[in-house]
Amino acid sequence: MEMNLLIAYIGIAVMIGLSGIGSAYGVTIAGNAAIGALKKNDGAFGNFLVLTALPGTQGLYGFAGYFMFQTIFGILTPEMTAIQAAAIPGAGIALGLVALFSAIRQGQVCANGIAAIGQGHDVFSNTLILAVFPELYAIVALAATFLIGSALVA
């Protein structure tokens, strides 16, 4: 039924949209800090680049969720059931929201590390470690999306 497919793609759009918005905000927060820190310490650009890029991964998780439903599970078809169609927006909202907020918060952690490095402190490794914590929740949400998808084809 085509309405089921429409509902599913709305869920996919929410998942990709929210995770992408979160990553855009997160990398912008860190990028702004990097621009400011470069004024004081232009030799640390490589560290700033890594920390700025880190919140971008959540946007990739949104795309990975779509890839799972489309390619791995193969359920995005006009023949999908109403239950399958309803589960995809549920997974999309869950992954999208978690990725949105974790990317923003990770960007803030990275921005603080960038500012500290710009002031001459040796905190690159510590910042990477602390920035993993918000990322962990996006990974858990992606794993939950995988489990939802695998339950739909069982």
N, C-alpha and C. Protein backbone atom coordinates (compact mmCIF):
# COMPACT_ATOMS: atom_id res chain seq x y z
N MET A 1 0.84 -1.17 0.00
CA MET A 1 0.00 0.00 0.00
C MET A 1 0.89 1.25 0.00
N GLU A 2 0.59 2.16 -0.87
CA GLU A 2 1.44 3.33 -1.05
C GLU A 2 1.44 4.26 0.17
N MET A 3 0.34 4.29 0.92
CA MET A 3 0.29 5.13 2.11
C MET A 3 1.31 4.66 3.14
N ASN A 4 1.51 3.35 3.27
CA ASN A 4 2.52 2.82 4.18
C ASN A 4 3.91 3.30 3.80
N LEU A 5 4.19 3.29 2.51
CA LEU A 5 5.49 3.74 2.03
C LEU A 5 5.68 5.23 2.29
N LEU A 6 4.63 6.01 2.13
CA LEU A 6 4.70 7.44 2.41
C LEU A 6 5.02 7.69 3.89
N ILE A 7 4.34 6.97 4.77
CA ILE A 7 4.59 7.10 6.22
C ILE A 7 6.03 6.74 6.54
N ALA A 8 6.51 5.66 5.94
CA ALA A 8 7.89 5.22 6.18
C ALA A 8 8.89 6.28 5.73
N TYR A 9 8.67 6.85 4.57
CA TYR A 9 9.61 7.86 4.07
C TYR A 9 9.55 9.15 4.86
N ILE A 10 8.43 9.46 5.46
CA ILE A 10 8.38 10.60 6.37
C ILE A 10 9.31 10.33 7.56
N GLY A 11 9.27 9.10 8.08
CA GLY A 11 10.18 8.72 9.16
C GLY A 11 11.63 8.79 8.75
N ILE A 12 11.93 8.38 7.54
CA ILE A 12 13.29 8.46 7.02
C ILE A 12 13.73 9.92 6.93
N ALA A 13 12.82 10.77 6.43
CA ALA A 13 13.15 12.19 6.29
C ALA A 13 13.43 12.83 7.65
N VAL A 14 12.64 12.47 8.65
CA VAL A 14 12.86 13.00 10.00
C VAL A 14 14.22 12.54 10.53
N MET A 15 14.53 11.27 10.32
CA MET A 15 15.78 10.71 10.81
C MET A 15 16.98 11.41 10.16
N ILE A 16 16.98 11.54 8.86
CA ILE A 16 18.09 12.17 8.16
C ILE A 16 18.13 13.67 8.45
N GLY A 17 16.96 14.30 8.48
CA GLY A 17 16.90 15.74 8.72
C GLY A 17 17.40 16.14 10.09
N LEU A 18 16.89 15.50 11.13
CA LEU A 18 17.30 15.87 12.49
C LEU A 18 18.77 15.56 12.74
N SER A 19 19.23 14.41 12.28
CA SER A 19 20.64 14.07 12.50
C SER A 19 21.55 15.02 11.72
N GLY A 20 21.14 15.39 10.53
CA GLY A 20 21.93 16.33 9.73
C GLY A 20 21.95 17.72 10.35
N ILE A 21 20.81 18.18 10.86
CA ILE A 21 20.75 19.48 11.53
C ILE A 21 21.66 19.48 12.75
N GLY A 22 21.62 18.40 13.54
CA GLY A 22 22.48 18.32 14.71
C GLY A 22 23.94 18.39 14.34
N SER A 23 24.33 17.67 13.30
CA SER A 23 25.72 17.70 12.88
C SER A 23 26.12 19.08 12.37
N ALA A 24 25.23 19.71 11.63
CA ALA A 24 25.53 21.05 11.12
C ALA A 24 25.75 22.03 12.28
N TYR A 25 24.90 21.96 13.28
CA TYR A 25 25.08 22.81 14.45
C TYR A 25 26.37 22.46 15.20
N GLY A 26 26.59 21.17 15.42
CA GLY A 26 27.76 20.75 16.19
C GLY A 26 29.07 21.16 15.55
N VAL A 27 29.20 20.93 14.24
CA VAL A 27 30.45 21.31 13.59
C VAL A 27 30.60 22.82 13.51
N THR A 28 29.48 23.53 13.45
CA THR A 28 29.56 24.99 13.44
C THR A 28 30.02 25.53 14.79
N ILE A 29 29.51 24.95 15.86
CA ILE A 29 29.94 25.36 17.21
C ILE A 29 31.45 25.15 17.36
N ALA A 30 31.91 23.97 16.99
CA ALA A 30 33.34 23.67 17.10
C ALA A 30 34.15 24.50 16.10
N GLY A 31 33.63 24.68 14.91
CA GLY A 31 34.33 25.46 13.90
C GLY A 31 34.50 26.91 14.30
N ASN A 32 33.48 27.48 14.91
CA ASN A 32 33.60 28.86 15.39
C ASN A 32 34.69 28.97 16.45
N ALA A 33 34.74 27.99 17.33
CA ALA A 33 35.79 28.00 18.35
C ALA A 33 37.16 27.85 17.71
N ALA A 34 37.24 27.04 16.66
CA ALA A 34 38.52 26.83 15.99
C ALA A 34 39.01 28.12 15.34
N ILE A 35 38.12 28.86 14.72
CA ILE A 35 38.51 30.13 14.10
C ILE A 35 39.09 31.07 15.16
N GLY A 36 38.42 31.16 16.30
CA GLY A 36 38.92 32.01 17.37
C GLY A 36 40.25 31.53 17.92
N ALA A 37 40.39 30.22 18.08
CA ALA A 37 41.63 29.66 18.65
C ALA A 37 42.80 29.78 17.69
N LEU A 38 42.52 29.78 16.39
CA LEU A 38 43.61 29.92 15.41
C LEU A 38 44.31 31.27 15.54
N LYS A 39 43.61 32.27 16.03
CA LYS A 39 44.21 33.59 16.22
C LYS A 39 45.35 33.53 17.25
N LYS A 40 45.22 32.60 18.21
CA LYS A 40 46.23 32.49 19.27
C LYS A 40 47.23 31.38 19.00
N ASN A 41 46.80 30.32 18.30
CA ASN A 41 47.65 29.15 18.11
C ASN A 41 47.38 28.55 16.74
N ASP A 42 47.99 29.14 15.71
CA ASP A 42 47.74 28.66 14.34
C ASP A 42 48.46 27.35 14.03
N GLY A 43 49.32 26.90 14.91
CA GLY A 43 50.01 25.63 14.70
C GLY A 43 49.20 24.41 15.08
N ALA A 44 48.05 24.61 15.68
CA ALA A 44 47.21 23.48 16.13
C ALA A 44 46.04 23.22 15.19
N PHE A 45 46.15 23.67 13.94
CA PHE A 45 45.03 23.52 13.02
C PHE A 45 44.60 22.06 12.85
N GLY A 46 45.55 21.14 12.79
CA GLY A 46 45.22 19.72 12.64
C GLY A 46 44.35 19.22 13.78
N ASN A 47 44.69 19.57 14.99
CA ASN A 47 43.87 19.18 16.15
C ASN A 47 42.49 19.82 16.07
N PHE A 48 42.45 21.10 15.68
CA PHE A 48 41.17 21.80 15.57
C PHE A 48 40.29 21.15 14.50
N LEU A 49 40.91 20.73 13.42
CA LEU A 49 40.17 20.10 12.33
C LEU A 49 39.51 18.81 12.78
N VAL A 50 40.25 17.98 13.48
CA VAL A 50 39.71 16.72 13.98
C VAL A 50 38.54 16.97 14.94
N LEU A 51 38.74 17.89 15.87
CA LEU A 51 37.69 18.17 16.86
C LEU A 51 36.47 18.83 16.23
N THR A 52 36.69 19.61 15.20
CA THR A 52 35.56 20.24 14.51
C THR A 52 34.75 19.22 13.72
N ALA A 53 35.41 18.25 13.13
CA ALA A 53 34.72 17.25 12.31
C ALA A 53 33.96 16.22 13.13
N LEU A 54 34.34 16.04 14.36
CA LEU A 54 33.77 14.97 15.19
C LEU A 54 32.24 15.00 15.28
N PRO A 55 31.59 16.13 15.50
CA PRO A 55 30.12 16.11 15.58
C PRO A 55 29.43 15.81 14.25
N GLY A 56 30.17 15.75 13.18
CA GLY A 56 29.59 15.43 11.88
C GLY A 56 29.18 13.98 11.73
N THR A 57 29.64 13.14 12.61
CA THR A 57 29.34 11.71 12.46
C THR A 57 27.86 11.40 12.71
N GLN A 58 27.19 12.19 13.54
CA GLN A 58 25.79 11.91 13.83
C GLN A 58 24.92 12.03 12.57
N GLY A 59 25.27 12.95 11.69
CA GLY A 59 24.55 13.05 10.43
C GLY A 59 24.72 11.79 9.59
N LEU A 60 25.88 11.19 9.68
CA LEU A 60 26.12 9.93 8.97
C LEU A 60 25.28 8.80 9.56
N TYR A 61 25.03 8.84 10.87
CA TYR A 61 24.20 7.81 11.48
C TYR A 61 22.77 7.87 10.95
N GLY A 62 22.26 9.08 10.71
CA GLY A 62 20.93 9.21 10.12
C GLY A 62 20.88 8.57 8.74
N PHE A 63 21.91 8.82 7.95
CA PHE A 63 21.97 8.20 6.63
C PHE A 63 22.13 6.69 6.74
N ALA A 64 22.92 6.24 7.72
CA ALA A 64 23.11 4.79 7.91
C ALA A 64 21.79 4.13 8.26
N GLY A 65 20.95 4.82 9.05
CA GLY A 65 19.63 4.27 9.36
C GLY A 65 18.79 4.08 8.11
N TYR A 66 18.80 5.07 7.24
CA TYR A 66 18.09 4.94 5.96
C TYR A 66 18.66 3.79 5.14
N PHE A 67 19.97 3.71 5.08
CA PHE A 67 20.63 2.64 4.32
C PHE A 67 20.22 1.27 4.84
N MET A 68 20.10 1.14 6.16
CA MET A 68 19.70 -0.15 6.73
C MET A 68 18.29 -0.53 6.28
N PHE A 69 17.35 0.40 6.40
CA PHE A 69 15.98 0.08 6.01
C PHE A 69 15.85 -0.18 4.52
N GLN A 70 16.60 0.56 3.72
CA GLN A 70 16.50 0.42 2.26
C GLN A 70 17.24 -0.81 1.75
N THR A 71 18.48 -0.98 2.16
CA THR A 71 19.35 -1.98 1.54
C THR A 71 19.48 -3.26 2.36
N ILE A 72 19.78 -3.13 3.64
CA ILE A 72 20.02 -4.33 4.45
C ILE A 72 18.72 -5.09 4.69
N PHE A 73 17.69 -4.35 5.13
CA PHE A 73 16.42 -5.01 5.44
C PHE A 73 15.47 -5.04 4.25
N GLY A 74 15.62 -4.15 3.32
CA GLY A 74 14.84 -4.15 2.09
C GLY A 74 13.34 -4.03 2.31
N ILE A 75 12.92 -3.26 3.30
CA ILE A 75 11.48 -3.18 3.58
C ILE A 75 10.81 -1.93 3.03
N LEU A 76 11.58 -1.01 2.45
CA LEU A 76 10.98 0.19 1.89
C LEU A 76 10.44 -0.11 0.49
N THR A 77 9.34 -0.83 0.48
CA THR A 77 8.68 -1.21 -0.78
C THR A 77 7.19 -0.91 -0.66
N PRO A 78 6.49 -0.80 -1.79
CA PRO A 78 5.03 -0.59 -1.72
C PRO A 78 4.29 -1.72 -1.01
N GLU A 79 4.92 -2.88 -0.86
CA GLU A 79 4.28 -4.02 -0.22
C GLU A 79 4.47 -4.04 1.29
N MET A 80 5.11 -3.05 1.86
CA MET A 80 5.36 -3.07 3.29
C MET A 80 4.06 -3.02 4.07
N THR A 81 4.10 -3.59 5.26
CA THR A 81 2.90 -3.65 6.10
C THR A 81 2.75 -2.35 6.90
N ALA A 82 1.59 -2.19 7.49
CA ALA A 82 1.34 -1.01 8.31
C ALA A 82 2.24 -0.99 9.54
N ILE A 83 2.52 -2.15 10.11
CA ILE A 83 3.41 -2.23 11.27
C ILE A 83 4.82 -1.80 10.87
N GLN A 84 5.30 -2.28 9.74
CA GLN A 84 6.62 -1.88 9.27
C GLN A 84 6.65 -0.37 9.02
N ALA A 85 5.60 0.14 8.42
CA ALA A 85 5.54 1.57 8.10
C ALA A 85 5.52 2.41 9.38
N ALA A 86 4.84 1.95 10.41
CA ALA A 86 4.76 2.70 11.67
C ALA A 86 6.07 2.64 12.45
N ALA A 87 6.79 1.54 12.32
CA ALA A 87 8.04 1.39 13.08
C ALA A 87 9.14 2.30 12.55
N ILE A 88 9.12 2.59 11.28
CA ILE A 88 10.19 3.41 10.70
C ILE A 88 10.14 4.85 11.21
N PRO A 89 8.97 5.51 11.26
CA PRO A 89 8.98 6.84 11.89
C PRO A 89 9.36 6.79 13.37
N GLY A 90 9.00 5.72 14.06
CA GLY A 90 9.42 5.58 15.46
C GLY A 90 10.92 5.54 15.57
N ALA A 91 11.56 4.72 14.75
CA ALA A 91 13.02 4.64 14.75
C ALA A 91 13.62 5.95 14.26
N GLY A 92 12.98 6.56 13.28
CA GLY A 92 13.49 7.82 12.73
C GLY A 92 13.47 8.95 13.74
N ILE A 93 12.38 9.05 14.48
CA ILE A 93 12.29 10.10 15.51
C ILE A 93 13.31 9.84 16.61
N ALA A 94 13.42 8.59 17.03
CA ALA A 94 14.36 8.26 18.11
C ALA A 94 15.80 8.57 17.69
N LEU A 95 16.22 8.03 16.57
CA LEU A 95 17.58 8.27 16.12
C LEU A 95 17.81 9.74 15.79
N GLY A 96 16.84 10.36 15.13
CA GLY A 96 16.98 11.76 14.75
C GLY A 96 17.16 12.67 15.95
N LEU A 97 16.34 12.50 16.97
CA LEU A 97 16.44 13.36 18.16
C LEU A 97 17.72 13.12 18.94
N VAL A 98 18.07 11.86 19.12
CA VAL A 98 19.31 11.57 19.86
C VAL A 98 20.52 12.11 19.10
N ALA A 99 20.54 11.92 17.80
CA ALA A 99 21.67 12.43 17.00
C ALA A 99 21.70 13.96 17.02
N LEU A 100 20.53 14.58 16.94
CA LEU A 100 20.45 16.04 16.99
C LEU A 100 21.12 16.59 18.24
N PHE A 101 20.67 16.11 19.39
CA PHE A 101 21.17 16.66 20.65
C PHE A 101 22.59 16.21 20.95
N SER A 102 22.94 14.97 20.61
CA SER A 102 24.31 14.53 20.91
C SER A 102 25.32 15.27 20.05
N ALA A 103 24.97 15.58 18.82
CA ALA A 103 25.91 16.32 17.96
C ALA A 103 26.13 17.74 18.48
N ILE A 104 25.05 18.38 18.91
CA ILE A 104 25.17 19.75 19.44
C ILE A 104 26.03 19.74 20.71
N ARG A 105 25.73 18.82 21.60
CA ARG A 105 26.48 18.77 22.86
C ARG A 105 27.94 18.35 22.62
N GLN A 106 28.14 17.45 21.67
CA GLN A 106 29.51 17.06 21.35
C GLN A 106 30.26 18.26 20.76
N GLY A 107 29.60 19.05 19.95
CA GLY A 107 30.22 20.26 19.42
C GLY A 107 30.64 21.21 20.52
N GLN A 108 29.84 21.28 21.58
CA GLN A 108 30.19 22.15 22.70
C GLN A 108 31.40 21.61 23.46
N VAL A 109 31.46 20.32 23.66
CA VAL A 109 32.63 19.72 24.31
C VAL A 109 33.88 19.99 23.47
N CYS A 110 33.77 19.77 22.17
CA CYS A 110 34.92 19.99 21.29
C CYS A 110 35.32 21.46 21.27
N ALA A 111 34.34 22.36 21.28
CA ALA A 111 34.64 23.79 21.28
C ALA A 111 35.43 24.18 22.52
N ASN A 112 35.06 23.64 23.66
CA ASN A 112 35.80 23.94 24.89
C ASN A 112 37.23 23.41 24.81
N GLY A 113 37.40 22.22 24.25
CA GLY A 113 38.74 21.68 24.07
C GLY A 113 39.56 22.52 23.10
N ILE A 114 38.92 22.97 22.04
CA ILE A 114 39.61 23.82 21.06
C ILE A 114 40.06 25.12 21.72
N ALA A 115 39.19 25.72 22.50
CA ALA A 115 39.54 26.96 23.20
C ALA A 115 40.73 26.74 24.13
N ALA A 116 40.73 25.62 24.83
CA ALA A 116 41.83 25.33 25.76
C ALA A 116 43.14 25.10 25.01
N ILE A 117 43.06 24.38 23.89
CA ILE A 117 44.27 24.16 23.08
C ILE A 117 44.79 25.50 22.55
N GLY A 118 43.86 26.36 22.14
CA GLY A 118 44.24 27.68 21.65
C GLY A 118 44.95 28.50 22.70
N GLN A 119 44.66 28.25 23.97
CA GLN A 119 45.30 28.97 25.07
C GLN A 119 46.62 28.30 25.50
N GLY A 120 46.98 27.23 24.80
CA GLY A 120 48.27 26.60 25.08
C GLY A 120 48.21 25.35 25.94
N HIS A 121 47.03 24.90 26.31
CA HIS A 121 46.91 23.70 27.14
C HIS A 121 46.96 22.45 26.26
N ASP A 122 47.55 21.40 26.76
CA ASP A 122 47.69 20.14 26.03
C ASP A 122 46.52 19.22 26.37
N VAL A 123 45.35 19.49 25.78
CA VAL A 123 44.14 18.74 26.15
C VAL A 123 43.49 18.05 24.95
N PHE A 124 44.22 17.89 23.85
CA PHE A 124 43.62 17.27 22.66
C PHE A 124 43.11 15.86 22.96
N SER A 125 43.96 15.01 23.53
CA SER A 125 43.57 13.63 23.83
C SER A 125 42.43 13.57 24.82
N ASN A 126 42.50 14.40 25.85
CA ASN A 126 41.43 14.44 26.84
C ASN A 126 40.11 14.89 26.22
N THR A 127 40.17 15.86 25.32
CA THR A 127 38.96 16.34 24.66
C THR A 127 38.36 15.23 23.80
N LEU A 128 39.20 14.50 23.08
CA LEU A 128 38.69 13.38 22.27
C LEU A 128 37.97 12.36 23.15
N ILE A 129 38.56 12.05 24.28
CA ILE A 129 37.95 11.06 25.18
C ILE A 129 36.61 11.56 25.69
N LEU A 130 36.56 12.81 26.13
CA LEU A 130 35.31 13.36 26.66
C LEU A 130 34.25 13.55 25.58
N ALA A 131 34.69 13.81 24.36
CA ALA A 131 33.74 13.99 23.26
C ALA A 131 33.10 12.67 22.83
N VAL A 132 33.68 11.56 23.22
CA VAL A 132 33.11 10.25 22.88
C VAL A 132 31.79 10.02 23.63
N PHE A 133 31.64 10.59 24.80
CA PHE A 133 30.46 10.30 25.61
C PHE A 133 29.16 10.71 24.94
N PRO A 134 29.01 11.92 24.40
CA PRO A 134 27.77 12.22 23.67
C PRO A 134 27.60 11.33 22.43
N GLU A 135 28.71 11.01 21.79
CA GLU A 135 28.68 10.16 20.59
C GLU A 135 28.12 8.78 20.92
N LEU A 136 28.43 8.28 22.09
CA LEU A 136 27.98 6.96 22.50
C LEU A 136 26.47 6.82 22.40
N TYR A 137 25.74 7.86 22.77
CA TYR A 137 24.28 7.77 22.74
C TYR A 137 23.74 7.75 21.33
N ALA A 138 24.41 8.43 20.41
CA ALA A 138 24.01 8.35 19.01
C ALA A 138 24.27 6.94 18.47
N ILE A 139 25.36 6.33 18.90
CA ILE A 139 25.65 4.95 18.48
C ILE A 139 24.61 3.99 19.03
N VAL A 140 24.21 4.19 20.29
CA VAL A 140 23.15 3.36 20.88
C VAL A 140 21.84 3.52 20.11
N ALA A 141 21.51 4.75 19.73
CA ALA A 141 20.29 4.99 18.95
C ALA A 141 20.38 4.32 17.58
N LEU A 142 21.55 4.35 16.97
CA LEU A 142 21.73 3.66 15.69
C LEU A 142 21.58 2.15 15.86
N ALA A 143 22.13 1.62 16.94
CA ALA A 143 21.99 0.18 17.22
C ALA A 143 20.52 -0.17 17.45
N ALA A 144 19.78 0.69 18.14
CA ALA A 144 18.35 0.45 18.35
C ALA A 144 17.61 0.47 17.02
N THR A 145 17.99 1.37 16.13
CA THR A 145 17.39 1.42 14.80
C THR A 145 17.65 0.12 14.06
N PHE A 146 18.86 -0.40 14.18
CA PHE A 146 19.18 -1.69 13.56
C PHE A 146 18.31 -2.80 14.14
N LEU A 147 18.14 -2.81 15.44
CA LEU A 147 17.33 -3.85 16.08
C LEU A 147 15.86 -3.73 15.65
N ILE A 148 15.36 -2.51 15.53
CA ILE A 148 13.99 -2.32 15.06
C ILE A 148 13.86 -2.86 13.64
N GLY A 149 14.81 -2.52 12.78
CA GLY A 149 14.77 -3.00 11.41
C GLY A 149 14.86 -4.51 11.31
N SER A 150 15.71 -5.12 12.10
CA SER A 150 15.84 -6.57 12.05
C SER A 150 14.59 -7.26 12.57
N ALA A 151 13.90 -6.62 13.53
CA ALA A 151 12.64 -7.21 14.04
C ALA A 151 11.55 -7.13 12.98
N LEU A 152 11.62 -6.16 12.08
CA LEU A 152 10.58 -6.00 11.06
C LEU A 152 10.65 -7.03 9.97
N VAL A 153 11.79 -7.64 9.77
CA VAL A 153 11.93 -8.64 8.71
C VAL A 153 11.91 -10.06 9.25
N ALA A 154 11.86 -10.20 10.57
CA ALA A 154 11.87 -11.54 11.17
C ALA A 154 10.52 -12.24 11.01
